[in-house]
């Protein structure tokens, strides 16, 4: 009989580091219109810095 051993998923550890609680607490909850405006402004700022932005921004 074999038993399954739960192994740690690297994606789980990655999620721990992706969440910046200071930003989450500051920006959340945010109204939809405000979030769309902020997203557009951030995309424009990143484009000006030479980054490629994919999506409908």
N, C-alpha and C. Protein backbone atom coordinates (compact mmCIF):
# COMPACT_ATOMS: atom_id res chain seq x y z
N UNK A 1 0.85 -1.17 0.00
CA UNK A 1 0.00 0.00 0.00
C UNK A 1 0.89 1.24 0.00
N UNK A 2 0.55 2.19 -0.84
CA UNK A 2 1.33 3.42 -0.91
C UNK A 2 0.54 4.55 -0.28
N UNK A 3 1.24 5.43 0.33
CA UNK A 3 0.61 6.61 0.90
C UNK A 3 1.10 7.83 0.16
N UNK A 4 0.21 8.75 -0.02
CA UNK A 4 0.62 9.97 -0.72
C UNK A 4 1.18 10.95 0.30
N UNK A 5 2.26 11.53 -0.05
CA UNK A 5 2.91 12.50 0.83
C UNK A 5 2.74 13.88 0.21
N UNK A 6 2.19 14.76 0.96
CA UNK A 6 1.99 16.11 0.44
C UNK A 6 3.33 16.83 0.41
N UNK A 7 3.68 17.29 -0.76
CA UNK A 7 4.93 18.04 -0.90
C UNK A 7 4.60 19.52 -1.02
N UNK A 8 5.56 20.33 -0.65
CA UNK A 8 5.36 21.77 -0.72
C UNK A 8 5.38 22.23 -2.16
N UNK A 9 4.40 22.98 -2.53
CA UNK A 9 4.31 23.52 -3.87
C UNK A 9 5.08 24.84 -3.91
N UNK A 10 6.06 24.99 -4.81
CA UNK A 10 6.82 26.25 -4.88
C UNK A 10 5.93 27.46 -5.14
N UNK A 11 4.81 27.26 -5.82
CA UNK A 11 3.91 28.38 -6.09
C UNK A 11 3.31 28.93 -4.79
N UNK A 12 3.10 28.06 -3.81
CA UNK A 12 2.57 28.53 -2.53
C UNK A 12 3.55 29.49 -1.86
N UNK A 13 4.82 29.14 -1.89
CA UNK A 13 5.83 30.01 -1.28
C UNK A 13 5.94 31.31 -2.06
N UNK A 14 5.82 31.24 -3.37
CA UNK A 14 5.91 32.43 -4.21
C UNK A 14 4.79 33.41 -3.86
N UNK A 15 3.60 32.89 -3.63
CA UNK A 15 2.47 33.76 -3.30
C UNK A 15 2.74 34.55 -2.02
N UNK A 16 3.45 33.96 -1.07
CA UNK A 16 3.75 34.65 0.17
C UNK A 16 4.53 35.94 -0.09
N UNK A 17 5.42 35.90 -1.07
CA UNK A 17 6.27 37.05 -1.33
C UNK A 17 5.65 38.04 -2.31
N UNK A 18 4.65 37.60 -3.07
CA UNK A 18 4.04 38.50 -4.04
C UNK A 18 3.07 39.48 -3.38
N UNK A 19 2.51 39.10 -2.26
CA UNK A 19 1.52 39.96 -1.61
C UNK A 19 2.24 40.99 -0.74
N UNK A 20 2.09 42.25 -1.12
CA UNK A 20 2.65 43.33 -0.30
C UNK A 20 1.53 43.89 0.54
N UNK A 21 1.55 43.53 1.80
CA UNK A 21 0.44 43.90 2.67
C UNK A 21 0.27 45.40 2.81
N UNK A 22 1.35 46.17 2.72
CA UNK A 22 1.21 47.61 2.85
C UNK A 22 0.40 48.17 1.68
N UNK A 23 0.61 47.67 0.48
CA UNK A 23 -0.17 48.13 -0.67
C UNK A 23 -1.60 47.61 -0.59
N UNK A 24 -1.74 46.37 -0.17
CA UNK A 24 -3.07 45.78 -0.07
C UNK A 24 -3.93 46.56 0.91
N UNK A 25 -3.38 46.91 2.04
CA UNK A 25 -4.15 47.63 3.05
C UNK A 25 -4.46 49.05 2.61
N UNK A 26 -3.55 49.66 1.83
CA UNK A 26 -3.75 51.05 1.40
C UNK A 26 -4.77 51.14 0.27
N UNK A 27 -4.68 50.24 -0.71
CA UNK A 27 -5.52 50.35 -1.90
C UNK A 27 -6.80 49.53 -1.85
N UNK A 28 -6.96 48.64 -0.90
CA UNK A 28 -8.11 47.77 -0.91
C UNK A 28 -9.03 48.10 0.24
N UNK A 29 -10.31 48.20 0.11
CA UNK A 29 -11.06 48.10 -1.13
C UNK A 29 -11.04 49.41 -1.90
N UNK A 30 -11.08 49.30 -3.20
CA UNK A 30 -11.03 50.48 -4.06
C UNK A 30 -12.22 50.40 -5.02
N UNK A 31 -12.93 51.51 -5.20
CA UNK A 31 -14.04 51.50 -6.15
C UNK A 31 -13.55 51.16 -7.56
N UNK A 32 -14.43 50.56 -8.36
CA UNK A 32 -14.07 50.09 -9.69
C UNK A 32 -13.53 51.22 -10.56
N UNK A 33 -14.21 52.34 -10.61
CA UNK A 33 -13.76 53.44 -11.46
C UNK A 33 -12.37 53.93 -11.05
N UNK A 34 -12.16 54.07 -9.76
CA UNK A 34 -10.86 54.51 -9.26
C UNK A 34 -9.76 53.51 -9.62
N UNK A 35 -10.07 52.21 -9.52
CA UNK A 35 -9.07 51.20 -9.84
C UNK A 35 -8.73 51.20 -11.33
N UNK A 36 -9.72 51.44 -12.18
CA UNK A 36 -9.46 51.50 -13.63
C UNK A 36 -8.60 52.70 -13.99
N UNK A 37 -8.86 53.82 -13.35
CA UNK A 37 -8.06 55.02 -13.60
C UNK A 37 -6.63 54.80 -13.12
N UNK A 38 -6.45 54.22 -11.94
CA UNK A 38 -5.13 53.95 -11.41
C UNK A 38 -4.38 52.98 -12.30
N UNK A 39 -5.07 51.94 -12.78
CA UNK A 39 -4.43 50.95 -13.65
C UNK A 39 -3.95 51.61 -14.94
N UNK A 40 -4.77 52.47 -15.52
CA UNK A 40 -4.39 53.17 -16.74
C UNK A 40 -3.18 54.07 -16.50
N UNK A 41 -3.20 54.79 -15.40
CA UNK A 41 -2.09 55.70 -15.08
C UNK A 41 -0.79 54.93 -14.85
N UNK A 42 -0.88 53.81 -14.15
CA UNK A 42 0.32 53.00 -13.91
C UNK A 42 0.85 52.41 -15.21
N UNK A 43 -0.05 51.98 -16.10
CA UNK A 43 0.37 51.43 -17.39
C UNK A 43 1.08 52.51 -18.21
N UNK A 44 0.53 53.73 -18.21
CA UNK A 44 1.16 54.83 -18.94
C UNK A 44 2.55 55.15 -18.38
N UNK A 45 2.65 55.16 -17.06
CA UNK A 45 3.94 55.45 -16.41
C UNK A 45 4.99 54.38 -16.76
N UNK A 46 4.58 53.12 -16.75
CA UNK A 46 5.50 52.06 -17.10
C UNK A 46 5.91 52.12 -18.58
N UNK A 47 4.97 52.48 -19.46
CA UNK A 47 5.32 52.64 -20.88
C UNK A 47 6.36 53.73 -21.06
N UNK A 48 6.21 54.84 -20.34
CA UNK A 48 7.17 55.93 -20.44
C UNK A 48 8.56 55.50 -19.97
N UNK A 49 8.60 54.53 -19.08
CA UNK A 49 9.88 54.01 -18.60
C UNK A 49 10.46 52.95 -19.53
N UNK A 50 9.72 52.62 -20.59
CA UNK A 50 10.21 51.68 -21.58
C UNK A 50 9.74 50.25 -21.42
N UNK A 51 8.80 50.02 -20.52
CA UNK A 51 8.27 48.67 -20.31
C UNK A 51 7.16 48.39 -21.32
N UNK A 52 6.99 47.13 -21.66
CA UNK A 52 5.90 46.71 -22.53
C UNK A 52 4.71 46.32 -21.68
N UNK A 53 3.55 46.88 -21.98
CA UNK A 53 2.34 46.59 -21.24
C UNK A 53 1.40 45.83 -22.17
N UNK A 54 0.98 44.65 -21.74
CA UNK A 54 0.04 43.84 -22.51
C UNK A 54 -1.33 43.92 -21.86
N UNK A 55 -2.34 44.00 -22.66
CA UNK A 55 -3.70 44.06 -22.14
C UNK A 55 -4.43 45.25 -22.74
N UNK A 56 -5.62 45.45 -22.28
CA UNK A 56 -6.44 46.52 -22.83
C UNK A 56 -6.34 47.82 -22.07
N UNK A 57 -5.15 48.19 -21.66
CA UNK A 57 -4.96 49.40 -20.84
C UNK A 57 -4.77 50.60 -21.73
